[in-house]
């Protein structure tokens, strides 16, 4: 019988703007079936006339609002003439710096998710059961605040905000719960076993780390400044 390990949790590091609530709400329908695209504001001479003058390639009639503009003009994210008068280059710089800082932190915690601290969950060991950290198939309670890790161990105290960080149509934690289970392919006979004999508590630790990453991701995304997507 062949054995394979479960896949490594996917990295969902996208440009910070693609994680922005404003972007996700505006393009919700597109994100269900398309790869995220980075929105650029159209060139507006009312905001930055010097940007239009320095542009080497003027906009053509076929260019849409998602078309890549030159880097100078792309810095402007105004919504109509009135917004342009209120928002200047310094505002754009401040927004850019905030997004860059958030993106740097998101990259750090997502790339190095295995080095993040574990979120402290309440561990309940079932009396009479053999001490065991092996996973066969984990299961969430109906309110998703408790995770049945195995017959021996139950984890409770999962914050509801954990599920606000989603990988496609499900949360990162739910992805791990679904992928990290023992299963055998009927055709090939290959058994996928996520348990590690050299590190019995790996999956238990991973659960806490994924919760930590999810909570911080949600906190960072919610603190992002408005980006002013074009109407």
Protein backbone atom coordinates (compact mmCIF):
# COMPACT_ATOMS: atom_id res chain seq x y z
CA UNK A 1 0.00 0.00 0.00
CA UNK A 2 1.42 3.36 -1.03
CA UNK A 3 1.14 6.32 1.28
CA UNK A 4 1.23 10.02 0.48
CA UNK A 5 1.03 13.08 2.68
CA UNK A 6 -1.69 15.69 2.50
CA UNK A 7 -0.83 18.83 0.54
CA UNK A 8 0.73 21.86 2.16
CA UNK A 9 -1.83 24.60 2.94
CA UNK A 10 -2.07 26.89 -0.10
CA UNK A 11 -0.60 30.35 0.00
CA UNK A 12 -3.27 32.91 -0.79
CA UNK A 13 -1.01 35.94 -0.95
CA UNK A 14 -2.56 38.27 -3.47
CA UNK A 15 -1.91 41.96 -4.05
CA UNK A 16 -3.24 43.78 -1.00
CA UNK A 17 -5.80 45.61 -3.13
CA UNK A 18 -7.33 42.27 -4.15
CA UNK A 19 -7.96 41.47 -0.47
CA UNK A 20 -9.51 44.87 0.19
CA UNK A 21 -13.18 44.62 1.28
CA UNK A 22 -14.05 47.40 -1.16
CA UNK A 23 -12.52 45.43 -4.05
CA UNK A 24 -14.01 42.07 -3.01
CA UNK A 25 -17.48 43.57 -2.70
CA UNK A 26 -17.34 45.44 -6.01
CA UNK A 27 -16.04 42.48 -8.00
CA UNK A 28 -17.69 39.66 -6.05
CA UNK A 29 -19.34 38.18 -9.16
CA UNK A 30 -16.08 38.24 -11.13
CA UNK A 31 -14.06 36.66 -8.33
CA UNK A 32 -16.31 33.58 -8.39
CA UNK A 33 -15.07 32.64 -11.84
CA UNK A 34 -11.97 34.71 -12.64
CA UNK A 35 -8.45 35.25 -11.36
CA UNK A 36 -8.22 38.49 -9.33
CA UNK A 37 -7.10 41.54 -11.27
CA UNK A 38 -5.56 44.68 -9.89
CA UNK A 39 -7.77 47.70 -10.59
CA UNK A 40 -6.12 50.91 -11.77
CA UNK A 41 -7.87 54.26 -11.82
CA UNK A 42 -8.27 55.93 -15.19
CA UNK A 43 -6.06 58.90 -15.97
CA UNK A 44 -7.53 62.14 -14.74
CA UNK A 45 -5.99 65.45 -15.77
CA UNK A 46 -8.08 67.28 -13.16
CA UNK A 47 -6.11 65.57 -10.39
CA UNK A 48 -2.64 65.39 -11.82
CA UNK A 49 -2.25 67.37 -15.05
CA UNK A 50 1.48 66.69 -14.99
CA UNK A 51 0.74 62.97 -15.23
CA UNK A 52 -1.21 63.38 -18.44
CA UNK A 53 1.47 65.59 -19.94
CA UNK A 54 4.23 63.09 -19.16
CA UNK A 55 2.36 60.10 -20.54
CA UNK A 56 4.04 58.57 -23.55
CA UNK A 57 1.06 56.51 -24.69
CA UNK A 58 -2.37 58.20 -24.58
CA UNK A 59 -5.49 56.19 -23.77
CA UNK A 60 -7.18 54.61 -26.74
CA UNK A 61 -10.96 54.14 -27.15
CA UNK A 62 -10.53 50.39 -26.55
CA UNK A 63 -8.90 50.77 -23.14
CA UNK A 64 -11.16 49.80 -20.27
CA UNK A 65 -11.04 50.82 -16.60
CA UNK A 66 -9.02 47.70 -15.76
CA UNK A 67 -6.35 48.48 -18.37
CA UNK A 68 -2.86 49.03 -17.04
CA UNK A 69 -1.96 52.72 -17.05
CA UNK A 70 1.53 54.18 -16.71
CA UNK A 71 2.88 54.18 -13.17
CA UNK A 72 2.50 57.93 -12.71
CA UNK A 73 -1.13 58.12 -13.75
CA UNK A 74 -1.99 54.92 -11.89
CA UNK A 75 -1.17 56.63 -8.61
CA UNK A 76 -4.40 58.62 -8.92
CA UNK A 77 -7.51 56.86 -7.60
CA UNK A 78 -10.14 59.58 -7.88
CA UNK A 79 -13.86 59.17 -8.30
CA UNK A 80 -15.18 61.99 -10.43
CA UNK A 81 -14.10 65.65 -10.51
CA UNK A 82 -15.28 66.48 -6.99
CA UNK A 83 -13.27 63.63 -5.48
CA UNK A 84 -10.25 64.68 -7.51
CA UNK A 85 -10.29 68.13 -5.97
CA UNK A 86 -10.42 66.62 -2.49
CA UNK A 87 -7.78 63.96 -3.01
CA UNK A 88 -4.24 64.90 -3.95
CA UNK A 89 -0.90 63.18 -4.54
CA UNK A 90 -0.09 63.12 -0.82
CA UNK A 91 -3.30 61.19 -0.13
CA UNK A 92 -2.40 58.65 -2.81
CA UNK A 93 1.08 58.26 -1.31
CA UNK A 94 -0.37 57.67 2.15
CA UNK A 95 -2.78 55.03 0.83
CA UNK A 96 0.00 53.34 -1.13
CA UNK A 97 2.25 53.20 1.94
CA UNK A 98 -0.55 51.75 4.06
CA UNK A 99 -1.29 49.07 1.46
CA UNK A 100 2.42 48.27 1.05
CA UNK A 101 2.89 47.89 4.80
CA UNK A 102 -0.17 45.66 5.06
CA UNK A 103 0.97 43.59 2.09
CA UNK A 104 4.42 43.11 3.64
CA UNK A 105 2.89 41.83 6.86
CA UNK A 106 0.46 39.54 5.03
CA UNK A 107 3.32 38.06 3.01
CA UNK A 108 5.30 37.49 6.19
CA UNK A 109 2.61 35.59 8.08
CA UNK A 110 1.41 33.61 5.06
CA UNK A 111 4.83 32.51 3.80
CA UNK A 112 6.02 31.69 7.31
CA UNK A 113 2.72 30.35 8.65
CA UNK A 114 4.52 27.43 10.36
CA UNK A 115 6.54 29.91 12.45
CA UNK A 116 3.47 31.77 13.73
CA UNK A 117 2.36 31.28 17.34
CA UNK A 118 -0.48 28.87 18.00
CA UNK A 119 -3.84 30.33 18.97
CA UNK A 120 -4.64 29.03 22.42
CA UNK A 121 -7.58 26.65 22.23
CA UNK A 122 -9.16 24.70 25.08
CA UNK A 123 -8.08 21.06 24.83
CA UNK A 124 -10.49 18.49 26.20
CA UNK A 125 -9.19 14.93 26.51
CA UNK A 126 -11.78 12.17 26.65
CA UNK A 127 -11.40 9.90 29.64
CA UNK A 128 -10.95 6.24 28.86
CA UNK A 129 -9.52 6.90 25.38
CA UNK A 130 -5.92 6.16 24.46
CA UNK A 131 -3.60 9.18 24.36
CA UNK A 132 -3.39 9.95 20.65
CA UNK A 133 -2.59 12.86 18.34
CA UNK A 134 -3.24 11.04 15.08
CA UNK A 135 -5.93 12.38 12.80
CA UNK A 136 -8.33 10.27 10.75
CA UNK A 137 -11.00 12.83 9.93
CA UNK A 138 -11.64 16.02 11.88
CA UNK A 139 -15.11 17.51 12.26
CA UNK A 140 -16.49 20.89 13.33
CA UNK A 141 -19.45 21.35 15.65
CA UNK A 142 -22.59 22.98 14.23
CA UNK A 143 -21.66 26.41 15.56
CA UNK A 144 -18.04 25.89 14.39
CA UNK A 145 -16.63 26.89 17.78
CA UNK A 146 -15.42 23.37 18.53
CA UNK A 147 -13.31 20.94 16.53
CA UNK A 148 -13.46 17.19 17.12
CA UNK A 149 -9.79 16.44 16.47
CA UNK A 150 -10.09 12.67 17.05
CA UNK A 151 -11.77 10.30 19.51
CA UNK A 152 -9.31 11.32 22.21
CA UNK A 153 -9.11 15.09 21.75
CA UNK A 154 -11.55 17.97 21.22
CA UNK A 155 -10.54 21.59 20.67
CA UNK A 156 -12.90 24.41 21.66
CA UNK A 157 -12.87 28.20 21.72
CA UNK A 158 -12.44 28.83 17.99
CA UNK A 159 -13.22 32.54 17.34
CA UNK A 160 -15.97 33.10 14.78
CA UNK A 161 -13.76 35.68 13.02
CA UNK A 162 -11.51 32.78 11.97
CA UNK A 163 -14.01 31.91 9.25
CA UNK A 164 -13.95 35.42 7.78
CA UNK A 165 -10.64 34.65 6.07
CA UNK A 166 -11.60 32.51 3.11
CA UNK A 167 -9.76 30.58 0.41
CA UNK A 168 -12.30 30.72 -2.39
CA UNK A 169 -15.63 29.54 -0.99
CA UNK A 170 -14.41 28.27 2.38
CA UNK A 171 -12.24 29.41 5.25
CA UNK A 172 -8.59 28.46 5.63
CA UNK A 173 -9.38 26.39 8.71
CA UNK A 174 -12.12 24.47 6.91
CA UNK A 175 -9.69 23.84 4.05
CA UNK A 176 -7.19 22.27 6.46
CA UNK A 177 -9.90 20.17 8.12
CA UNK A 178 -11.03 18.87 4.73
CA UNK A 179 -7.55 18.18 3.34
CA UNK A 180 -5.86 16.78 6.44
CA UNK A 181 -7.62 13.45 6.72
CA UNK A 182 -6.68 9.85 5.97
CA UNK A 183 -8.20 8.72 2.69
CA UNK A 184 -7.54 5.98 0.13
CA UNK A 185 -8.03 6.41 -3.60
CA UNK A 186 -10.17 3.51 -4.87
CA UNK A 187 -8.52 3.27 -8.29
CA UNK A 188 -4.85 3.62 -7.37
CA UNK A 189 -4.95 2.24 -3.85
CA UNK A 190 -2.79 5.13 -2.66
CA UNK A 191 -3.52 6.25 0.88
CA UNK A 192 -3.12 9.91 1.75
CA UNK A 193 -2.03 10.20 5.37
CA UNK A 194 -1.28 13.71 6.72
CA UNK A 195 0.07 12.41 10.02
CA UNK A 196 3.81 12.71 10.63
CA UNK A 197 5.52 9.99 12.62
CA UNK A 198 8.49 12.29 13.25
CA UNK A 199 6.21 15.11 14.48
CA UNK A 200 2.98 13.70 15.99
CA UNK A 201 1.64 17.13 17.01
CA UNK A 202 2.18 18.77 13.61
CA UNK A 203 -1.51 18.90 12.64
CA UNK A 204 -2.55 20.00 16.13
CA UNK A 205 0.00 22.81 15.97
CA UNK A 206 -1.04 23.68 12.41
CA UNK A 207 -4.66 24.18 13.51
CA UNK A 208 -3.58 26.82 16.05
CA UNK A 209 -1.24 28.51 13.56
CA UNK A 210 -3.89 28.68 10.84
CA UNK A 211 -6.31 30.29 13.30
CA UNK A 212 -3.64 32.86 14.25
CA UNK A 213 -2.91 33.67 10.60
CA UNK A 214 -6.63 33.89 9.79
CA UNK A 215 -7.37 36.28 12.65
CA UNK A 216 -4.44 38.56 11.86
CA UNK A 217 -5.30 38.54 8.16
CA UNK A 218 -8.86 39.61 8.93
CA UNK A 219 -7.58 42.34 11.27
CA UNK A 220 -5.16 43.69 8.66
CA UNK A 221 -7.72 43.64 5.84
CA UNK A 222 -10.34 45.41 7.93
CA UNK A 223 -7.87 48.19 8.78
CA UNK A 224 -7.05 48.98 5.14
CA UNK A 225 -7.83 52.57 4.06
CA UNK A 226 -10.46 53.24 1.35
CA UNK A 227 -8.93 52.89 -2.10
CA UNK A 228 -11.60 54.78 -4.04
CA UNK A 229 -12.41 52.42 -6.88
CA UNK A 230 -13.75 54.19 -9.99
CA UNK A 231 -17.50 54.08 -10.49
